[in-house]
């Protein structure tokens, strides 16, 4: 897209995807909205 930084809106699981992106590519992470957030630190049982 020829964007220097990513502008992103992620909902639900899209927040996990967005958080993963920001962690992998912090220098490319621009304006990110993570709406309906998933706690990426939880175990499968804790999520359930």
ModelCIF file with pLDDT and N, C-alpha, C, O atoms, coordinates in Angstrom:
data_MODEL
#
_entry.id   MODEL 
#
_entity.id                         1 
_entity.type                       polymer 
_entity.pdbx_number_of_molecules   1 
#
_entity_poly.entity_id                      1 
_entity_poly.type                           'polypeptide(L)' 
_entity_poly.nstd_linkage                   no 
_entity_poly.nstd_monomer                   no 
_entity_poly.pdbx_seq_one_letter_code       
;(UNK)(UNK)(UNK)(UNK)(UNK)(UNK)(UNK)(UNK)(UNK)(UNK)(UNK)(UNK)(UNK)(UNK)(UNK)(UNK)
(UNK)(UNK)(UNK)(UNK)(UNK)(UNK)(UNK)(UNK)(UNK)(UNK)(UNK)(UNK)(UNK)(UNK)(UNK)(UNK)
(UNK)(UNK)(UNK)(UNK)(UNK)(UNK)(UNK)(UNK)(UNK)(UNK)(UNK)(UNK)(UNK)(UNK)(UNK)(UNK)
;
_entity_poly.pdbx_seq_one_letter_code_can   XXXXXXXXXXXXXXXXXXXXXXXXXXXXXXXXXXXXXXXXXXXXXXXX 
_entity_poly.pdbx_strand_id                 A 
#
loop_
_entity_poly_seq.entity_id 
_entity_poly_seq.num 
_entity_poly_seq.mon_id 
_entity_poly_seq.hetero 
1 1  UNK n 
1 2  UNK n 
1 3  UNK n 
1 4  UNK n 
1 5  UNK n 
1 6  UNK n 
1 7  UNK n 
1 8  UNK n 
1 9  UNK n 
1 10 UNK n 
1 11 UNK n 
1 12 UNK n 
1 13 UNK n 
1 14 UNK n 
1 15 UNK n 
1 16 UNK n 
1 17 UNK n 
1 18 UNK n 
1 19 UNK n 
1 20 UNK n 
1 21 UNK n 
1 22 UNK n 
1 23 UNK n 
1 24 UNK n 
1 25 UNK n 
1 26 UNK n 
1 27 UNK n 
1 28 UNK n 
1 29 UNK n 
1 30 UNK n 
1 31 UNK n 
1 32 UNK n 
1 33 UNK n 
1 34 UNK n 
1 35 UNK n 
1 36 UNK n 
1 37 UNK n 
1 38 UNK n 
1 39 UNK n 
1 40 UNK n 
1 41 UNK n 
1 42 UNK n 
1 43 UNK n 
1 44 UNK n 
1 45 UNK n 
1 46 UNK n 
1 47 UNK n 
1 48 UNK n 
#
_struct_asym.id          A 
_struct_asym.entity_id   1 
#
loop_
_ma_qa_metric.id 
_ma_qa_metric.mode 
_ma_qa_metric.name 
_ma_qa_metric.software_group_id 
_ma_qa_metric.type 
1 global pLDDT . pLDDT 
2 local  pLDDT . pLDDT 
#
_ma_qa_metric_global.metric_id      1 
_ma_qa_metric_global.metric_value   97.02 
_ma_qa_metric_global.model_id       1 
_ma_qa_metric_global.ordinal_id     1 
#
loop_
_ma_qa_metric_local.label_asym_id 
_ma_qa_metric_local.label_comp_id 
_ma_qa_metric_local.label_seq_id 
_ma_qa_metric_local.metric_id 
_ma_qa_metric_local.metric_value 
_ma_qa_metric_local.model_id 
_ma_qa_metric_local.ordinal_id 
A UNK 1  2 97.00 1 1  
A UNK 2  2 96.00 1 2  
A UNK 3  2 97.00 1 3  
A UNK 4  2 97.00 1 4  
A UNK 5  2 98.00 1 5  
A UNK 6  2 98.00 1 6  
A UNK 7  2 98.00 1 7  
A UNK 8  2 98.00 1 8  
A UNK 9  2 98.00 1 9  
A UNK 10 2 98.00 1 10 
A UNK 11 2 97.00 1 11 
A UNK 12 2 96.00 1 12 
A UNK 13 2 97.00 1 13 
A UNK 14 2 97.00 1 14 
A UNK 15 2 98.00 1 15 
A UNK 16 2 98.00 1 16 
A UNK 17 2 98.00 1 17 
A UNK 18 2 98.00 1 18 
A UNK 19 2 98.00 1 19 
A UNK 20 2 97.00 1 20 
A UNK 21 2 98.00 1 21 
A UNK 22 2 98.00 1 22 
A UNK 23 2 97.00 1 23 
A UNK 24 2 97.00 1 24 
A UNK 25 2 98.00 1 25 
A UNK 26 2 97.00 1 26 
A UNK 27 2 97.00 1 27 
A UNK 28 2 97.00 1 28 
A UNK 29 2 97.00 1 29 
A UNK 30 2 97.00 1 30 
A UNK 31 2 98.00 1 31 
A UNK 32 2 98.00 1 32 
A UNK 33 2 98.00 1 33 
A UNK 34 2 98.00 1 34 
A UNK 35 2 98.00 1 35 
A UNK 36 2 97.00 1 36 
A UNK 37 2 97.00 1 37 
A UNK 38 2 97.00 1 38 
A UNK 39 2 96.00 1 39 
A UNK 40 2 96.00 1 40 
A UNK 41 2 95.00 1 41 
A UNK 42 2 95.00 1 42 
A UNK 43 2 94.00 1 43 
A UNK 44 2 94.00 1 44 
A UNK 45 2 96.00 1 45 
A UNK 46 2 96.00 1 46 
A UNK 47 2 96.00 1 47 
A UNK 48 2 96.00 1 48 
#
loop_
_atom_site.group_PDB 
_atom_site.id 
_atom_site.type_symbol 
_atom_site.label_atom_id 
_atom_site.label_alt_id 
_atom_site.label_comp_id 
_atom_site.label_asym_id 
_atom_site.label_entity_id 
_atom_site.label_seq_id 
_atom_site.pdbx_PDB_ins_code 
_atom_site.Cartn_x 
_atom_site.Cartn_y 
_atom_site.Cartn_z 
_atom_site.occupancy 
_atom_site.B_iso_or_equiv 
_atom_site.pdbx_formal_charge 
_atom_site.auth_seq_id 
_atom_site.auth_comp_id 
_atom_site.auth_asym_id 
_atom_site.auth_atom_id 
_atom_site.pdbx_PDB_model_num 
ATOM 1   N N  . UNK A 1 1  ? 0.824   -1.215  0.000  1.00 97.00 ? 1  UNK A N  1 
ATOM 2   C CA . UNK A 1 1  ? 0.000   0.000   0.000  1.00 97.00 ? 1  UNK A CA 1 
ATOM 3   C C  . UNK A 1 1  ? 0.856   1.262   0.000  1.00 97.00 ? 1  UNK A C  1 
ATOM 4   O O  . UNK A 1 1  ? 0.344   2.373   -0.130 1.00 97.00 ? 1  UNK A O  1 
ATOM 5   N N  . UNK A 1 2  ? 2.158   1.075   0.146  1.00 96.00 ? 2  UNK A N  1 
ATOM 6   C CA . UNK A 1 2  ? 3.131   2.180   0.169  1.00 96.00 ? 2  UNK A CA 1 
ATOM 7   C C  . UNK A 1 2  ? 2.929   3.080   1.381  1.00 96.00 ? 2  UNK A C  1 
ATOM 8   O O  . UNK A 1 2  ? 3.106   4.296   1.308  1.00 96.00 ? 2  UNK A O  1 
ATOM 9   N N  . UNK A 1 3  ? 2.556   2.462   2.492  1.00 97.00 ? 3  UNK A N  1 
ATOM 10  C CA . UNK A 1 3  ? 2.386   3.199   3.749  1.00 97.00 ? 3  UNK A CA 1 
ATOM 11  C C  . UNK A 1 3  ? 3.612   2.993   4.630  1.00 97.00 ? 3  UNK A C  1 
ATOM 12  O O  . UNK A 1 3  ? 4.056   1.866   4.848  1.00 97.00 ? 3  UNK A O  1 
ATOM 13  N N  . UNK A 1 4  ? 4.143   4.085   5.124  1.00 97.00 ? 4  UNK A N  1 
ATOM 14  C CA . UNK A 1 4  ? 5.305   4.001   5.999  1.00 97.00 ? 4  UNK A CA 1 
ATOM 15  C C  . UNK A 1 4  ? 4.957   3.275   7.291  1.00 97.00 ? 4  UNK A C  1 
ATOM 16  O O  . UNK A 1 4  ? 5.754   2.496   7.814  1.00 97.00 ? 4  UNK A O  1 
ATOM 17  N N  . UNK A 1 5  ? 3.742   3.542   7.801  1.00 98.00 ? 5  UNK A N  1 
ATOM 18  C CA . UNK A 1 5  ? 3.269   2.879   9.008  1.00 98.00 ? 5  UNK A CA 1 
ATOM 19  C C  . UNK A 1 5  ? 1.843   2.377   8.777  1.00 98.00 ? 5  UNK A C  1 
ATOM 20  O O  . UNK A 1 5  ? 1.085   2.941   7.988  1.00 98.00 ? 5  UNK A O  1 
ATOM 21  N N  . UNK A 1 6  ? 1.503   1.311   9.481  1.00 98.00 ? 6  UNK A N  1 
ATOM 22  C CA . UNK A 1 6  ? 0.180   0.709   9.355  1.00 98.00 ? 6  UNK A CA 1 
ATOM 23  C C  . UNK A 1 6  ? -0.848  1.493   10.168 1.00 98.00 ? 6  UNK A C  1 
ATOM 24  O O  . UNK A 1 6  ? -0.618  1.805   11.337 1.00 98.00 ? 6  UNK A O  1 
ATOM 25  N N  . UNK A 1 7  ? -1.969  1.807   9.550  1.00 98.00 ? 7  UNK A N  1 
ATOM 26  C CA . UNK A 1 7  ? -3.142  2.328   10.252 1.00 98.00 ? 7  UNK A CA 1 
ATOM 27  C C  . UNK A 1 7  ? -4.185  1.212   10.232 1.00 98.00 ? 7  UNK A C  1 
ATOM 28  O O  . UNK A 1 7  ? -4.499  0.665   9.175  1.00 98.00 ? 7  UNK A O  1 
ATOM 29  N N  . UNK A 1 8  ? -4.721  0.879   11.411 1.00 98.00 ? 8  UNK A N  1 
ATOM 30  C CA . UNK A 1 8  ? -5.435  -0.397  11.532 1.00 98.00 ? 8  UNK A CA 1 
ATOM 31  C C  . UNK A 1 8  ? -6.568  -0.292  12.529 1.00 98.00 ? 8  UNK A C  1 
ATOM 32  O O  . UNK A 1 8  ? -6.459  0.362   13.566 1.00 98.00 ? 8  UNK A O  1 
ATOM 33  N N  . UNK A 1 9  ? -7.677  -0.968  12.181 1.00 98.00 ? 9  UNK A N  1 
ATOM 34  C CA . UNK A 1 9  ? -8.795  -1.148  13.106 1.00 98.00 ? 9  UNK A CA 1 
ATOM 35  C C  . UNK A 1 9  ? -9.083  -2.636  13.179 1.00 98.00 ? 9  UNK A C  1 
ATOM 36  O O  . UNK A 1 9  ? -9.478  -3.248  12.187 1.00 98.00 ? 9  UNK A O  1 
ATOM 37  N N  . UNK A 1 10 ? -8.885  -3.220  14.359 1.00 98.00 ? 10 UNK A N  1 
ATOM 38  C CA . UNK A 1 10 ? -9.141  -4.636  14.551 1.00 98.00 ? 10 UNK A CA 1 
ATOM 39  C C  . UNK A 1 10 ? -10.167 -4.845  15.642 1.00 98.00 ? 10 UNK A C  1 
ATOM 40  O O  . UNK A 1 10 ? -10.074 -4.241  16.710 1.00 98.00 ? 10 UNK A O  1 
ATOM 41  N N  . UNK A 1 11 ? -11.148 -5.698  15.383 1.00 97.00 ? 11 UNK A N  1 
ATOM 42  C CA . UNK A 1 11 ? -12.193 -5.997  16.359 1.00 97.00 ? 11 UNK A CA 1 
ATOM 43  C C  . UNK A 1 11 ? -12.063 -7.443  16.822 1.00 97.00 ? 11 UNK A C  1 
ATOM 44  O O  . UNK A 1 11 ? -11.727 -8.326  16.032 1.00 97.00 ? 11 UNK A O  1 
ATOM 45  N N  . UNK A 1 12 ? -12.328 -7.680  18.093 1.00 96.00 ? 12 UNK A N  1 
ATOM 46  C CA . UNK A 1 12 ? -12.362 -9.023  18.654 1.00 96.00 ? 12 UNK A CA 1 
ATOM 47  C C  . UNK A 1 12 ? -11.023 -9.722  18.434 1.00 96.00 ? 12 UNK A C  1 
ATOM 48  O O  . UNK A 1 12 ? -9.992  -9.204  18.863 1.00 96.00 ? 12 UNK A O  1 
ATOM 49  N N  . UNK A 1 13 ? -11.007 -10.896 17.771 1.00 97.00 ? 13 UNK A N  1 
ATOM 50  C CA . UNK A 1 13 ? -9.720  -11.542 17.469 1.00 97.00 ? 13 UNK A CA 1 
ATOM 51  C C  . UNK A 1 13 ? -8.796  -10.599 16.707 1.00 97.00 ? 13 UNK A C  1 
ATOM 52  O O  . UNK A 1 13 ? -7.574  -10.724 16.800 1.00 97.00 ? 13 UNK A O  1 
ATOM 53  N N  . UNK A 1 14 ? -9.362  -9.661  15.957 1.00 97.00 ? 14 UNK A N  1 
ATOM 54  C CA . UNK A 1 14 ? -8.537  -8.684  15.248 1.00 97.00 ? 14 UNK A CA 1 
ATOM 55  C C  . UNK A 1 14 ? -7.649  -7.878  16.178 1.00 97.00 ? 14 UNK A C  1 
ATOM 56  O O  . UNK A 1 14 ? -6.655  -7.302  15.737 1.00 97.00 ? 14 UNK A O  1 
ATOM 57  N N  . UNK A 1 15 ? -7.998  -7.825  17.482 1.00 98.00 ? 15 UNK A N  1 
ATOM 58  C CA . UNK A 1 15 ? -7.131  -7.148  18.443 1.00 98.00 ? 15 UNK A CA 1 
ATOM 59  C C  . UNK A 1 15 ? -5.889  -7.986  18.731 1.00 98.00 ? 15 UNK A C  1 
ATOM 60  O O  . UNK A 1 15 ? -4.801  -7.445  18.924 1.00 98.00 ? 15 UNK A O  1 
ATOM 61  N N  . UNK A 1 16 ? -6.055  -9.297  18.758 1.00 98.00 ? 16 UNK A N  1 
ATOM 62  C CA . UNK A 1 16 ? -4.883  -10.181 18.927 1.00 98.00 ? 16 UNK A CA 1 
ATOM 63  C C  . UNK A 1 16 ? -3.963  -10.057 17.723 1.00 98.00 ? 16 UNK A C  1 
ATOM 64  O O  . UNK A 1 16 ? -2.741  -9.999  17.867 1.00 98.00 ? 16 UNK A O  1 
ATOM 65  N N  . UNK A 1 17 ? -4.556  -10.017 16.536 1.00 98.00 ? 17 UNK A N  1 
ATOM 66  C CA . UNK A 1 17 ? -3.771  -9.845  15.322 1.00 98.00 ? 17 UNK A CA 1 
ATOM 67  C C  . UNK A 1 17 ? -3.042  -8.512  15.328 1.00 98.00 ? 17 UNK A C  1 
ATOM 68  O O  . UNK A 1 17 ? -1.865  -8.442  14.974 1.00 98.00 ? 17 UNK A O  1 
ATOM 69  N N  . UNK A 1 18 ? -3.743  -7.446  15.732 1.00 98.00 ? 18 UNK A N  1 
ATOM 70  C CA . UNK A 1 18 ? -3.126  -6.127  15.774 1.00 98.00 ? 18 UNK A CA 1 
ATOM 71  C C  . UNK A 1 18 ? -2.028  -6.028  16.819 1.00 98.00 ? 18 UNK A C  1 
ATOM 72  O O  . UNK A 1 18 ? -0.975  -5.444  16.559 1.00 98.00 ? 18 UNK A O  1 
ATOM 73  N N  . UNK A 1 19 ? -2.263  -6.592  18.001 1.00 98.00 ? 19 UNK A N  1 
ATOM 74  C CA . UNK A 1 19 ? -1.239  -6.575  19.052 1.00 98.00 ? 19 UNK A CA 1 
ATOM 75  C C  . UNK A 1 19 ? -0.011  -7.358  18.622 1.00 98.00 ? 19 UNK A C  1 
ATOM 76  O O  . UNK A 1 19 ? 1.119   -6.956  18.900 1.00 98.00 ? 19 UNK A O  1 
ATOM 77  N N  . UNK A 1 20 ? -0.235  -8.483  17.939 1.00 97.00 ? 20 UNK A N  1 
ATOM 78  C CA . UNK A 1 20 ? 0.885   -9.278  17.432 1.00 97.00 ? 20 UNK A CA 1 
ATOM 79  C C  . UNK A 1 20 ? 1.676   -8.483  16.413 1.00 97.00 ? 20 UNK A C  1 
ATOM 80  O O  . UNK A 1 20 ? 2.907   -8.508  16.419 1.00 97.00 ? 20 UNK A O  1 
ATOM 81  N N  . UNK A 1 21 ? 0.973   -7.775  15.533 1.00 98.00 ? 21 UNK A N  1 
ATOM 82  C CA . UNK A 1 21 ? 1.656   -6.937  14.548 1.00 98.00 ? 21 UNK A CA 1 
ATOM 83  C C  . UNK A 1 21 ? 2.504   -5.866  15.236 1.00 98.00 ? 21 UNK A C  1 
ATOM 84  O O  . UNK A 1 21 ? 3.671   -5.677  14.891 1.00 98.00 ? 21 UNK A O  1 
ATOM 85  N N  . UNK A 1 22 ? 1.918   -5.170  16.202 1.00 98.00 ? 22 UNK A N  1 
ATOM 86  C CA . UNK A 1 22 ? 2.642   -4.096  16.879 1.00 98.00 ? 22 UNK A CA 1 
ATOM 87  C C  . UNK A 1 22 ? 3.874   -4.627  17.598 1.00 98.00 ? 22 UNK A C  1 
ATOM 88  O O  . UNK A 1 22 ? 4.876   -3.921  17.716 1.00 98.00 ? 22 UNK A O  1 
ATOM 89  N N  . UNK A 1 23 ? 3.808   -5.859  18.077 1.00 97.00 ? 23 UNK A N  1 
ATOM 90  C CA . UNK A 1 23 ? 4.952   -6.451  18.762 1.00 97.00 ? 23 UNK A CA 1 
ATOM 91  C C  . UNK A 1 23 ? 6.027   -6.888  17.774 1.00 97.00 ? 23 UNK A C  1 
ATOM 92  O O  . UNK A 1 23 ? 7.219   -6.740  18.045 1.00 97.00 ? 23 UNK A O  1 
ATOM 93  N N  . UNK A 1 24 ? 5.608   -7.427  16.624 1.00 97.00 ? 24 UNK A N  1 
ATOM 94  C CA . UNK A 1 24 ? 6.569   -7.868  15.608 1.00 97.00 ? 24 UNK A CA 1 
ATOM 95  C C  . UNK A 1 24 ? 7.199   -6.691  14.860 1.00 97.00 ? 24 UNK A C  1 
ATOM 96  O O  . UNK A 1 24 ? 8.380   -6.728  14.514 1.00 97.00 ? 24 UNK A O  1 
ATOM 97  N N  . UNK A 1 25 ? 6.406   -5.651  14.613 1.00 98.00 ? 25 UNK A N  1 
ATOM 98  C CA . UNK A 1 25 ? 6.850   -4.529  13.787 1.00 98.00 ? 25 UNK A CA 1 
ATOM 99  C C  . UNK A 1 25 ? 6.569   -3.194  14.486 1.00 98.00 ? 25 UNK A C  1 
ATOM 100 O O  . UNK A 1 25 ? 5.814   -2.381  13.954 1.00 98.00 ? 25 UNK A O  1 
ATOM 101 N N  . UNK A 1 26 ? 7.149   -2.950  15.649 1.00 97.00 ? 26 UNK A N  1 
ATOM 102 C CA . UNK A 1 26 ? 6.821   -1.718  16.376 1.00 97.00 ? 26 UNK A CA 1 
ATOM 103 C C  . UNK A 1 26 ? 7.157   -0.451  15.596 1.00 97.00 ? 26 UNK A C  1 
ATOM 104 O O  . UNK A 1 26 ? 6.461   0.557   15.718 1.00 97.00 ? 26 UNK A O  1 
ATOM 105 N N  . UNK A 1 27 ? 8.223   -0.497  14.793 1.00 97.00 ? 27 UNK A N  1 
ATOM 106 C CA . UNK A 1 27 ? 8.610   0.690   14.039 1.00 97.00 ? 27 UNK A CA 1 
ATOM 107 C C  . UNK A 1 27 ? 7.678   0.959   12.872 1.00 97.00 ? 27 UNK A C  1 
ATOM 108 O O  . UNK A 1 27 ? 7.684   2.055   12.313 1.00 97.00 ? 27 UNK A O  1 
ATOM 109 N N  . UNK A 1 28 ? 6.877   -0.030  12.498 1.00 97.00 ? 28 UNK A N  1 
ATOM 110 C CA . UNK A 1 28 ? 5.911   0.126   11.410 1.00 97.00 ? 28 UNK A CA 1 
ATOM 111 C C  . UNK A 1 28 ? 4.495   0.275   11.940 1.00 97.00 ? 28 UNK A C  1 
ATOM 112 O O  . UNK A 1 28 ? 3.552   0.389   11.157 1.00 97.00 ? 28 UNK A O  1 
ATOM 113 N N  . UNK A 1 29 ? 4.332   0.275   13.236 1.00 97.00 ? 29 UNK A N  1 
ATOM 114 C CA . UNK A 1 29 ? 3.019   0.339   13.860 1.00 97.00 ? 29 UNK A CA 1 
ATOM 115 C C  . UNK A 1 29 ? 2.621   1.795   14.059 1.00 97.00 ? 29 UNK A C  1 
ATOM 116 O O  . UNK A 1 29 ? 3.239   2.512   14.846 1.00 97.00 ? 29 UNK A O  1 
ATOM 117 N N  . UNK A 1 30 ? 1.579   2.232   13.337 1.00 97.00 ? 30 UNK A N  1 
ATOM 118 C CA . UNK A 1 30 ? 1.128   3.614   13.422 1.00 97.00 ? 30 UNK A CA 1 
ATOM 119 C C  . UNK A 1 30 ? -0.065  3.752   14.340 1.00 97.00 ? 30 UNK A C  1 
ATOM 120 O O  . UNK A 1 30 ? 0.033   3.488   15.538 1.00 97.00 ? 30 UNK A O  1 
ATOM 121 N N  . UNK A 1 31 ? -1.187  4.163   13.787 1.00 98.00 ? 31 UNK A N  1 
ATOM 122 C CA . UNK A 1 31 ? -2.408  4.342   14.572 1.00 98.00 ? 31 UNK A CA 1 
ATOM 123 C C  . UNK A 1 31 ? -3.204  3.034   14.557 1.00 98.00 ? 31 UNK A C  1 
ATOM 124 O O  . UNK A 1 31 ? -3.790  2.664   13.540 1.00 98.00 ? 31 UNK A O  1 
ATOM 125 N N  . UNK A 1 32 ? -3.215  2.354   15.678 1.00 98.00 ? 32 UNK A N  1 
ATOM 126 C CA . UNK A 1 32 ? -3.881  1.067   15.800 1.00 98.00 ? 32 UNK A CA 1 
ATOM 127 C C  . UNK A 1 32 ? -4.986  1.139   16.839 1.00 98.00 ? 32 UNK A C  1 
ATOM 128 O O  . UNK A 1 32 ? -4.758  1.566   17.970 1.00 98.00 ? 32 UNK A O  1 
ATOM 129 N N  . UNK A 1 33 ? -6.191  0.717   16.451 1.00 98.00 ? 33 UNK A N  1 
ATOM 130 C CA . UNK A 1 33 ? -7.314  0.607   17.380 1.00 98.00 ? 33 UNK A CA 1 
ATOM 131 C C  . UNK A 1 33 ? -7.626  -0.878  17.565 1.00 98.00 ? 33 UNK A C  1 
ATOM 132 O O  . UNK A 1 33 ? -7.857  -1.601  16.597 1.00 98.00 ? 33 UNK A O  1 
ATOM 133 N N  . UNK A 1 34 ? -7.629  -1.316  18.819 1.00 98.00 ? 34 UNK A N  1 
ATOM 134 C CA . UNK A 1 34 ? -7.909  -2.709  19.164 1.00 98.00 ? 34 UNK A CA 1 
ATOM 135 C C  . UNK A 1 34 ? -9.195  -2.716  19.980 1.00 98.00 ? 34 UNK A C  1 
ATOM 136 O O  . UNK A 1 34 ? -9.181  -2.418  21.174 1.00 98.00 ? 34 UNK A O  1 
ATOM 137 N N  . UNK A 1 35 ? -10.303 -3.054  19.334 1.00 98.00 ? 35 UNK A N  1 
ATOM 138 C CA . UNK A 1 35 ? -11.644 -2.894  19.908 1.00 98.00 ? 35 UNK A CA 1 
ATOM 139 C C  . UNK A 1 35 ? -12.261 -4.257  20.231 1.00 98.00 ? 35 UNK A C  1 
ATOM 140 O O  . UNK A 1 35 ? -12.380 -5.117  19.358 1.00 98.00 ? 35 UNK A O  1 
ATOM 141 N N  . UNK A 1 36 ? -12.650 -4.443  21.496 1.00 97.00 ? 36 UNK A N  1 
ATOM 142 C CA . UNK A 1 36 ? -13.139 -5.744  21.939 1.00 97.00 ? 36 UNK A CA 1 
ATOM 143 C C  . UNK A 1 36 ? -11.949 -6.652  22.171 1.00 97.00 ? 36 UNK A C  1 
ATOM 144 O O  . UNK A 1 36 ? -11.810 -7.692  21.527 1.00 97.00 ? 36 UNK A O  1 
ATOM 145 N N  . UNK A 1 37 ? -11.088 -6.247  23.102 1.00 97.00 ? 37 UNK A N  1 
ATOM 146 C CA . UNK A 1 37 ? -9.736  -6.793  23.182 1.00 97.00 ? 37 UNK A CA 1 
ATOM 147 C C  . UNK A 1 37 ? -9.675  -8.215  23.728 1.00 97.00 ? 37 UNK A C  1 
ATOM 148 O O  . UNK A 1 37 ? -10.419 -8.589  24.635 1.00 97.00 ? 37 UNK A O  1 
ATOM 149 N N  . UNK A 1 38 ? -8.769  -8.990  23.150 1.00 97.00 ? 38 UNK A N  1 
ATOM 150 C CA . UNK A 1 38 ? -8.423  -10.322 23.631 1.00 97.00 ? 38 UNK A CA 1 
ATOM 151 C C  . UNK A 1 38 ? -7.187  -10.197 24.513 1.00 97.00 ? 38 UNK A C  1 
ATOM 152 O O  . UNK A 1 38 ? -6.207  -9.561  24.126 1.00 97.00 ? 38 UNK A O  1 
ATOM 153 N N  . UNK A 1 39 ? -7.232  -10.795 25.682 1.00 96.00 ? 39 UNK A N  1 
ATOM 154 C CA . UNK A 1 39 ? -6.064  -10.814 26.566 1.00 96.00 ? 39 UNK A CA 1 
ATOM 155 C C  . UNK A 1 39 ? -5.113  -11.894 26.062 1.00 96.00 ? 39 UNK A C  1 
ATOM 156 O O  . UNK A 1 39 ? -5.363  -13.085 26.245 1.00 96.00 ? 39 UNK A O  1 
ATOM 157 N N  . UNK A 1 40 ? -4.026  -11.473 25.431 1.00 96.00 ? 40 UNK A N  1 
ATOM 158 C CA . UNK A 1 40 ? -3.120  -12.420 24.778 1.00 96.00 ? 40 UNK A CA 1 
ATOM 159 C C  . UNK A 1 40 ? -2.266  -13.204 25.770 1.00 96.00 ? 40 UNK A C  1 
ATOM 160 O O  . UNK A 1 40 ? -1.515  -14.092 25.366 1.00 96.00 ? 40 UNK A O  1 
ATOM 161 N N  . UNK A 1 41 ? -2.368  -12.890 27.061 1.00 95.00 ? 41 UNK A N  1 
ATOM 162 C CA . UNK A 1 41 ? -1.557  -13.587 28.054 1.00 95.00 ? 41 UNK A CA 1 
ATOM 163 C C  . UNK A 1 41 ? -2.269  -14.785 28.672 1.00 95.00 ? 41 UNK A C  1 
ATOM 164 O O  . UNK A 1 41 ? -1.646  -15.548 29.411 1.00 95.00 ? 41 UNK A O  1 
ATOM 165 N N  . UNK A 1 42 ? -3.558  -14.970 28.390 1.00 95.00 ? 42 UNK A N  1 
ATOM 166 C CA . UNK A 1 42 ? -4.346  -15.985 29.084 1.00 95.00 ? 42 UNK A CA 1 
ATOM 167 C C  . UNK A 1 42 ? -4.158  -17.375 28.489 1.00 95.00 ? 42 UNK A C  1 
ATOM 168 O O  . UNK A 1 42 ? -3.877  -17.523 27.300 1.00 95.00 ? 42 UNK A O  1 
ATOM 169 N N  . UNK A 1 43 ? -4.315  -18.382 29.329 1.00 94.00 ? 43 UNK A N  1 
ATOM 170 C CA . UNK A 1 43 ? -4.335  -19.762 28.868 1.00 94.00 ? 43 UNK A CA 1 
ATOM 171 C C  . UNK A 1 43 ? -5.682  -20.057 28.223 1.00 94.00 ? 43 UNK A C  1 
ATOM 172 O O  . UNK A 1 43 ? -6.622  -19.272 28.349 1.00 94.00 ? 43 UNK A O  1 
ATOM 173 N N  . UNK A 1 44 ? -5.773  -21.190 27.531 1.00 94.00 ? 44 UNK A N  1 
ATOM 174 C CA . UNK A 1 44 ? -7.039  -21.547 26.887 1.00 94.00 ? 44 UNK A CA 1 
ATOM 175 C C  . UNK A 1 44 ? -8.149  -21.715 27.917 1.00 94.00 ? 44 UNK A C  1 
ATOM 176 O O  . UNK A 1 44 ? -9.297  -21.360 27.648 1.00 94.00 ? 44 UNK A O  1 
ATOM 177 N N  . UNK A 1 45 ? -7.826  -22.249 29.092 1.00 96.00 ? 45 UNK A N  1 
ATOM 178 C CA . UNK A 1 45 ? -8.842  -22.401 30.125 1.00 96.00 ? 45 UNK A CA 1 
ATOM 179 C C  . UNK A 1 45 ? -9.302  -21.040 30.633 1.00 96.00 ? 45 UNK A C  1 
ATOM 180 O O  . UNK A 1 45 ? -10.498 -20.824 30.829 1.00 96.00 ? 45 UNK A O  1 
ATOM 181 N N  . UNK A 1 46 ? -8.378  -20.138 30.842 1.00 96.00 ? 46 UNK A N  1 
ATOM 182 C CA . UNK A 1 46 ? -8.737  -18.802 31.324 1.00 96.00 ? 46 UNK A CA 1 
ATOM 183 C C  . UNK A 1 46 ? -9.592  -18.063 30.301 1.00 96.00 ? 46 UNK A C  1 
ATOM 184 O O  . UNK A 1 46 ? -10.528 -17.354 30.668 1.00 96.00 ? 46 UNK A O  1 
ATOM 185 N N  . UNK A 1 47 ? -9.273  -18.225 29.016 1.00 96.00 ? 47 UNK A N  1 
ATOM 186 C CA . UNK A 1 47 ? -10.093 -17.619 27.979 1.00 96.00 ? 47 UNK A CA 1 
ATOM 187 C C  . UNK A 1 47 ? -11.508 -18.195 27.991 1.00 96.00 ? 47 UNK A C  1 
ATOM 188 O O  . UNK A 1 47 ? -12.487 -17.461 27.859 1.00 96.00 ? 47 UNK A O  1 
ATOM 189 N N  . UNK A 1 48 ? -11.607 -19.517 28.150 1.00 96.00 ? 48 UNK A N  1 
ATOM 190 C CA . UNK A 1 48 ? -12.925 -20.162 28.163 1.00 96.00 ? 48 UNK A CA 1 
ATOM 191 C C  . UNK A 1 48 ? -13.748 -19.717 29.366 1.00 96.00 ? 48 UNK A C  1 
ATOM 192 O O  . UNK A 1 48 ? -14.884 -20.161 29.535 1.00 96.00 ? 48 UNK A O  1 
#
